[in-house]
C-alpha atoms as a PDB file:
ATOM      1  CA  MET A   1       0.020   0.032  -0.003  1.00  0.00           C
ATOM      2  CA  GLY A   2       2.819   2.373   0.887  1.00  0.00           C
ATOM      3  CA  ARG A   3       4.393   1.799  -2.520  1.00  0.00           C
ATOM      4  CA  LEU A   4       1.108   2.594  -4.266  1.00  0.00           C
ATOM      5  CA  LEU A   5       0.854   5.868  -2.292  1.00  0.00           C
ATOM      6  CA  ARG A   6       4.352   6.796  -3.322  1.00  0.00           C
ATOM      7  CA  LEU A   7       3.415   6.153  -7.000  1.00  0.00           C
ATOM      8  CA  LEU A   8       0.239   8.288  -6.998  1.00  0.00           C
ATOM      9  CA  PRO A   9       1.949  11.608  -7.548  1.00  0.00           C
ATOM     10  CA  LEU A  10       3.942  10.062 -10.426  1.00  0.00           C
ATOM     11  CA  LEU A  11       0.886   8.578 -12.030  1.00  0.00           C
ATOM     12  CA  ALA A  12      -0.951  11.873 -11.769  1.00  0.00           C
ATOM     13  CA  ALA A  13       2.009  13.688 -13.321  1.00  0.00           C
ATOM     14  CA  LEU A  14       2.227  11.169 -16.117  1.00  0.00           C
ATOM     15  CA  PHE A  15      -1.417  11.610 -16.999  1.00  0.00           C
ATOM     16  CA  ALA A  16      -1.053  15.390 -16.924  1.00  0.00           C
ATOM     17  CA  ALA A  17       2.122  15.339 -18.970  1.00  0.00           C
ATOM     18  CA  ALA A  18       0.717  12.923 -21.571  1.00  0.00           C
ATOM     19  CA  CYS A  19      -1.230  15.824 -22.992  1.00  0.00           C
ATOM     20  CA  ALA A  20       2.039  17.740 -23.894  1.00  0.00           C
ATOM     21  CA  THR A  21       3.840  16.770 -27.114  1.00  0.00           C
ATOM     22  CA  MET A  22       7.352  17.459 -28.404  1.00  0.00           C
ATOM     23  CA  PRO A  23       7.823  19.282 -31.738  1.00  0.00           C
ATOM     24  CA  PRO A  24       8.789  17.165 -34.760  1.00  0.00           C
ATOM     25  CA  GLY A  25      12.532  16.474 -34.734  1.00  0.00           C
ATOM     26  CA  GLY A  26      12.768  16.450 -30.979  1.00  0.00           C
ATOM     27  CA  PRO A  27      13.519  19.310 -28.591  1.00  0.00           C
ATOM     28  CA  PRO A  28      14.781  22.549 -30.205  1.00  0.00           C
ATOM     29  CA  ARG A  29      18.601  23.337 -30.349  1.00  0.00           C
ATOM     30  CA  GLY A  30      20.025  25.976 -28.135  1.00  0.00           C
ATOM     31  CA  GLU A  31      20.193  29.435 -29.756  1.00  0.00           C
ATOM     32  CA  GLU A  32      23.408  31.507 -29.978  1.00  0.00           C
ATOM     33  CA  ARG A  33      21.927  33.984 -27.509  1.00  0.00           C
ATOM     34  CA  GLN A  34      21.380  31.103 -24.884  1.00  0.00           C
ATOM     35  CA  ILE A  35      24.779  29.724 -25.386  1.00  0.00           C
ATOM     36  CA  ALA A  36      26.332  33.198 -24.877  1.00  0.00           C
ATOM     37  CA  GLU A  37      24.290  33.729 -21.735  1.00  0.00           C
ATOM     38  CA  LEU A  38      25.468  30.398 -20.268  1.00  0.00           C
ATOM     39  CA  ALA A  39      29.111  31.217 -21.265  1.00  0.00           C
ATOM     40  CA  ALA A  40      28.824  34.669 -19.467  1.00  0.00           C
ATOM     41  CA  THR A  41      27.300  32.961 -16.406  1.00  0.00           C
ATOM     42  CA  LEU A  42      30.282  30.429 -16.334  1.00  0.00           C
ATOM     43  CA  MET A  43      32.839  33.200 -16.819  1.00  0.00           C
ATOM     44  CA  ALA A  44      31.309  35.089 -13.901  1.00  0.00           C
ATOM     45  CA  LEU A  45      31.935  32.120 -11.601  1.00  0.00           C
ATOM     46  CA  GLY A  46      35.359  33.653 -10.854  1.00  0.00           C
ATOM     47  CA  PRO A  47      38.150  35.646 -12.277  1.00  0.00           C
ATOM     48  CA  GLU A  48      40.242  32.484 -12.806  1.00  0.00           C
ATOM     49  CA  VAL A  49      37.752  31.018 -15.272  1.00  0.00           C
ATOM     50  CA  ASP A  50      39.166  30.977 -18.748  1.00  0.00           C
ATOM     51  CA  PRO A  51      36.723  32.719 -21.149  1.00  0.00           C
ATOM     52  CA  GLU A  52      37.511  30.203 -23.915  1.00  0.00           C
ATOM     53  CA  GLU A  53      36.716  27.324 -21.587  1.00  0.00           C
ATOM     54  CA  ALA A  54      33.540  28.940 -20.471  1.00  0.00           C
ATOM     55  CA  ALA A  55      32.430  29.437 -24.110  1.00  0.00           C
ATOM     56  CA  ARG A  56      33.408  25.914 -25.056  1.00  0.00           C
ATOM     57  CA  ALA A  57      31.582  24.377 -22.020  1.00  0.00           C
ATOM     58  CA  ALA A  58      28.419  26.418 -22.781  1.00  0.00           C
ATOM     59  CA  ARG A  59      28.401  25.396 -26.479  1.00  0.00           C
ATOM     60  CA  ILE A  60      29.075  21.694 -25.674  1.00  0.00           C
ATOM     61  CA  SER A  61      26.329  21.736 -23.000  1.00  0.00           C
ATOM     62  CA  TYR A  62      23.709  22.918 -25.515  1.00  0.00           C
ATOM     63  CA  GLU A  63      24.998  20.785 -28.486  1.00  0.00           C
ATOM     64  CA  HIS A  64      25.347  17.584 -26.397  1.00  0.00           C
ATOM     65  CA  THR A  65      21.882  18.116 -24.916  1.00  0.00           C
ATOM     66  CA  HIS A  66      20.372  18.166 -28.403  1.00  0.00           C
ATOM     67  CA  ARG A  67      22.481  15.196 -29.580  1.00  0.00           C
ATOM     68  CA  LEU A  68      21.405  13.152 -26.455  1.00  0.00           C
ATOM     69  CA  ALA A  69      17.761  14.133 -27.027  1.00  0.00           C
ATOM     70  CA  LEU A  70      17.937  12.570 -30.487  1.00  0.00           C
ATOM     71  CA  GLU A  71      19.884   9.486 -29.263  1.00  0.00           C
ATOM     72  CA  TYR A  72      17.407   9.014 -26.401  1.00  0.00           C
ATOM     73  CA  GLU A  73      14.502   9.422 -28.820  1.00  0.00           C
ATOM     74  CA  ILE A  74      12.878  12.205 -26.765  1.00  0.00           C
ATOM     75  CA  THR A  75       9.286  12.779 -27.963  1.00  0.00           C
ATOM     76  CA  ASP A  76       7.499  13.128 -24.571  1.00  0.00           C
ATOM     77  CA  PRO A  77       7.794  15.096 -21.391  1.00  0.00           C
ATOM     78  CA  PRO A  78      10.300  13.743 -18.902  1.00  0.00           C
ATOM     79  CA  LEU A  79       8.116  11.502 -16.698  1.00  0.00           C
ATOM     80  CA  VAL A  80       6.399   9.943 -19.662  1.00  0.00           C
ATOM     81  CA  HIS A  81       9.799   9.332 -21.256  1.00  0.00           C
ATOM     82  CA  ASN A  82      10.968   7.732 -17.937  1.00  0.00           C
ATOM     83  CA  THR A  83       8.097   5.338 -17.941  1.00  0.00           C
ATOM     84  CA  LYS A  84       8.932   4.349 -21.562  1.00  0.00           C
ATOM     85  CA  VAL A  85      12.601   3.780 -20.582  1.00  0.00           C
ATOM     86  CA  ASN A  86      11.560   1.710 -17.588  1.00  0.00           C
ATOM     87  CA  MET A  87       9.271  -0.365 -19.867  1.00  0.00           C
ATOM     88  CA  GLY A  88      12.099  -0.946 -22.352  1.00  0.00           C
ATOM     89  CA  LEU A  89      10.376   1.173 -25.038  1.00  0.00           C
ATOM     90  CA  LYS A  90      13.096   3.787 -25.152  1.00  0.00           C
ATOM     91  CA  PRO A  91      16.897   3.296 -24.853  1.00  0.00           C
ATOM     92  CA  ARG A  92      17.860   5.938 -22.277  1.00  0.00           C
ATOM     93  CA  GLY A  93      16.790   9.242 -20.910  1.00  0.00           C
ATOM     94  CA  LEU A  94      16.352   8.867 -17.123  1.00  0.00           C
ATOM     95  CA  CYS A  95      17.794  11.931 -15.321  1.00  0.00           C
ATOM     96  CA  TRP A  96      20.863  10.010 -14.249  1.00  0.00           C
ATOM     97  CA  HIS A  97      21.546   9.093 -17.853  1.00  0.00           C
ATOM     98  CA  TRP A  98      21.528  12.769 -18.842  1.00  0.00           C
ATOM     99  CA  ALA A  99      23.733  13.597 -15.881  1.00  0.00           C
ATOM    100  CA  GLU A 100      26.185  10.788 -16.537  1.00  0.00           C
ATOM    101  CA  ASP A 101      26.467  11.432 -20.275  1.00  0.00           C
ATOM    102  CA  MET A 102      26.774  15.256 -19.864  1.00  0.00           C
ATOM    103  CA  GLU A 103      29.451  14.853 -17.263  1.00  0.00           C
ATOM    104  CA  ALA A 104      31.334  12.374 -19.436  1.00  0.00           C
ATOM    105  CA  ARG A 105      31.256  14.615 -22.458  1.00  0.00           C
ATOM    106  CA  LEU A 106      32.400  17.727 -20.581  1.00  0.00           C
ATOM    107  CA  LYS A 107      35.217  15.768 -18.918  1.00  0.00           C
ATOM    108  CA  GLN A 108      36.616  14.939 -22.284  1.00  0.00           C
ATOM    109  CA  GLU A 109      37.585  18.589 -22.669  1.00  0.00           C
ATOM    110  CA  GLY A 110      40.096  18.500 -19.824  1.00  0.00           C
ATOM    111  CA  PHE A 111      39.127  21.864 -18.475  1.00  0.00           C
ATOM    112  CA  GLU A 112      41.799  23.532 -16.327  1.00  0.00           C
ATOM    113  CA  THR A 113      39.688  26.359 -14.860  1.00  0.00           C
ATOM    114  CA  LEU A 114      36.317  24.572 -14.590  1.00  0.00           C
ATOM    115  CA  GLU A 115      35.350  21.547 -12.463  1.00  0.00           C
ATOM    116  CA  LEU A 116      32.438  19.109 -12.782  1.00  0.00           C
ATOM    117  CA  HIS A 117      30.310  17.639 -10.045  1.00  0.00           C
ATOM    118  CA  ARG A 118      27.349  15.367  -9.733  1.00  0.00           C
ATOM    119  CA  ALA A 119      24.331  15.962  -7.483  1.00  0.00           C
ATOM    120  CA  ILE A 120      21.076  14.270  -6.448  1.00  0.00           C
ATOM    121  CA  ALA A 121      17.916  15.837  -5.065  1.00  0.00           C
ATOM    122  CA  ASN A 122      14.794  14.273  -3.534  1.00  0.00           C
ATOM    123  CA  ALA A 123      16.488  11.117  -2.278  1.00  0.00           C
ATOM    124  CA  ASP A 124      14.925  11.640   1.110  1.00  0.00           C
ATOM    125  CA  ASN A 125      11.514  12.727  -0.150  1.00  0.00           C
ATOM    126  CA  PRO A 126       8.999   9.793  -0.416  1.00  0.00           C
ATOM    127  CA  PHE A 127       6.635  11.864  -2.586  1.00  0.00           C
ATOM    128  CA  ARG A 128       9.137  12.818  -5.329  1.00  0.00           C
ATOM    129  CA  ILE A 129      11.499  10.754  -7.438  1.00  0.00           C
ATOM    130  CA  ASP A 130      15.249  11.163  -7.048  1.00  0.00           C
ATOM    131  CA  HIS A 131      16.693  13.594  -9.561  1.00  0.00           C
ATOM    132  CA  SER A 132      20.294  13.608 -10.744  1.00  0.00           C
ATOM    133  CA  THR A 133      22.234  16.330 -12.488  1.00  0.00           C
ATOM    134  CA  ALA A 134      25.646  17.569 -13.497  1.00  0.00           C
ATOM    135  CA  ILE A 135      27.019  20.799 -12.081  1.00  0.00           C
ATOM    136  CA  ILE A 136      29.869  22.894 -13.337  1.00  0.00           C
ATOM    137  CA  SER A 137      31.920  25.270 -11.122  1.00  0.00           C
ATOM    138  CA  ALA A 138      35.117  27.236 -11.131  1.00  0.00           C
ATOM    139  CA  LYS A 139      38.108  24.923 -10.423  1.00  0.00           C
ATOM    140  CA  GLY A 140      38.362  24.312  -6.717  1.00  0.00           C
ATOM    141  CA  ASP A 141      34.842  25.620  -5.840  1.00  0.00           C
ATOM    142  CA  SER A 142      32.047  23.452  -4.464  1.00  0.00           C
ATOM    143  CA  MET A 143      29.022  22.419  -6.342  1.00  0.00           C
ATOM    144  CA  PHE A 144      27.022  24.900  -4.437  1.00  0.00           C
ATOM    145  CA  ASP A 145      29.040  27.706  -6.073  1.00  0.00           C
ATOM    146  CA  GLY A 146      28.444  26.287  -9.536  1.00  0.00           C
ATOM    147  CA  VAL A 147      25.724  26.064 -12.223  1.00  0.00           C
ATOM    148  CA  VAL A 148      23.279  23.228 -12.585  1.00  0.00           C
ATOM    149  CA  LEU A 149      23.184  21.720 -16.123  1.00  0.00           C
ATOM    150  CA  ASP A 150      19.934  19.764 -16.275  1.00  0.00           C
ATOM    151  CA  PRO A 151      18.706  18.589 -19.707  1.00  0.00           C
ATOM    152  CA  TRP A 152      16.170  16.165 -18.212  1.00  0.00           C
ATOM    153  CA  ARG A 153      13.945  18.638 -16.511  1.00  0.00           C
ATOM    154  CA  GLU A 154      12.535  20.170 -19.681  1.00  0.00           C
ATOM    155  CA  GLY A 155      12.596  17.011 -21.800  1.00  0.00           C
ATOM    156  CA  GLY A 156      15.803  17.563 -23.810  1.00  0.00           C
ATOM    157  CA  ILE A 157      16.023  21.305 -23.464  1.00  0.00           C
ATOM    158  CA  LEU A 158      18.981  22.481 -21.422  1.00  0.00           C
ATOM    159  CA  PHE A 159      17.898  24.084 -18.111  1.00  0.00           C
ATOM    160  CA  TRP A 160      20.678  25.805 -16.177  1.00  0.00           C
ATOM    161  CA  GLU A 161      20.743  27.825 -13.030  1.00  0.00           C
ATOM    162  CA  HIS A 162      23.181  28.717 -10.195  1.00  0.00           C
ATOM    163  CA  THR A 163      22.927  25.738  -7.818  1.00  0.00           C
ATOM    164  CA  ARG A 164      21.905  27.957  -4.852  1.00  0.00           C
ATOM    165  CA  GLU A 165      19.236  29.653  -6.911  1.00  0.00           C
ATOM    166  CA  ASP A 166      17.677  26.465  -8.243  1.00  0.00           C
ATOM    167  CA  THR A 167      14.673  26.458  -5.938  1.00  0.00           C
ATOM    168  CA  ASP A 168      13.020  23.478  -7.611  1.00  0.00           C
ATOM    169  CA  TYR A 169      15.563  21.078  -6.065  1.00  0.00           C
ATOM    170  CA  ASN A 170      17.677  20.828  -2.951  1.00  0.00           C
ATOM    171  CA  TRP A 171      20.842  19.516  -4.467  1.00  0.00           C
ATOM    172  CA  ARG A 172      23.193  17.339  -2.415  1.00  0.00           C
ATOM    173  CA  PRO A 173      26.552  15.781  -3.501  1.00  0.00           C
ATOM    174  CA  ARG A 174      25.985  12.496  -5.245  1.00  0.00           C
ATOM    175  CA  GLY A 175      28.594  10.626  -3.275  1.00  0.00           C
ATOM    176  CA  LEU A 176      27.023  11.681  -0.005  1.00  0.00           C
ATOM    177  CA  VAL A 177      23.498  10.608  -1.070  1.00  0.00           C
ATOM    178  CA  LEU A 178      24.663   7.253  -2.443  1.00  0.00           C
ATOM    179  CA  SER A 179      26.597   6.596   0.809  1.00  0.00           C
ATOM    180  CA  GLU A 180      23.465   7.368   2.837  1.00  0.00           C
ATOM    181  CA  LYS A 181      21.354   5.105   0.678  1.00  0.00           C
ATOM    182  CA  ARG A 182      23.837   2.241   1.159  1.00  0.00           C
ATOM    183  CA  GLU A 183      23.770   2.784   4.898  1.00  0.00           C
ATOM    184  CA  ARG A 184      19.983   2.699   4.968  1.00  0.00           C
ATOM    185  CA  ALA A 185      19.870  -0.464   2.858  1.00  0.00           C
ATOM    186  CA  LEU A 186      22.352  -2.179   5.170  1.00  0.00           C
ATOM    187  CA  SER A 187      20.567  -1.215   8.273  1.00  0.00           C
ATOM    188  CA  ARG A 188      17.238  -2.556   6.879  1.00  0.00           C
ATOM    189  CA  ARG A 189      18.973  -5.893   6.028  1.00  0.00           C
ATOM    190  CA  PHE A 190      19.830  -6.315   9.694  1.00  0.00           C
ATOM    191  CA  GLU A 191      16.575  -5.180  11.224  1.00  0.00           C
ATOM    192  CA  PRO A 192      14.743  -7.921  13.173  1.00  0.00           C
ATOM    193  CA  ALA A 193      11.779  -9.380  11.392  1.00  0.00           C
ATOM    194  CA  ARG A 194       8.432  -7.849  12.347  1.00  0.00           C
ATOM    195  CA  PRO A 195       5.828 -10.395  13.644  1.00  0.00           C
END
């Protein structure tokens, strides 16, 4: 029964989202103006950020989001697409896929003045599904001083925002969240059976 109650918000969101459709050819590409805005935001992370690296990271973030949207066969809003992935109807496209693939692509650049992080939100919220993202910051800064790069949230359209200003999610370091999940799972394994 508890599992069903946890799924009710998801089912309601799926039915509401099913009415929305994606334009032919998948989500739109990022515009030059959007890429320039992200580049300026990344440069503003600190005086040590190389403007060329910021511009390259911004362009790759938008271009890779579009490429992944095509590879993942995005034609629906995120929760509907998640359901299709979980049913084996679509190849990839869960939030952690986006985060993993975005991080891997950006890491290929070998940035010297920018640093990548991974984060998870909602892991402790039984009424919302976990959400993963990649975050980019100035080298040596924490993820909380960076910018969230989230292509999942808007179904293959890159959403970005300063981590501390992203009020939709309470981001926490991925390693910490996964460690807490392992500890909870272990503690449940050794709980005495209930009569």
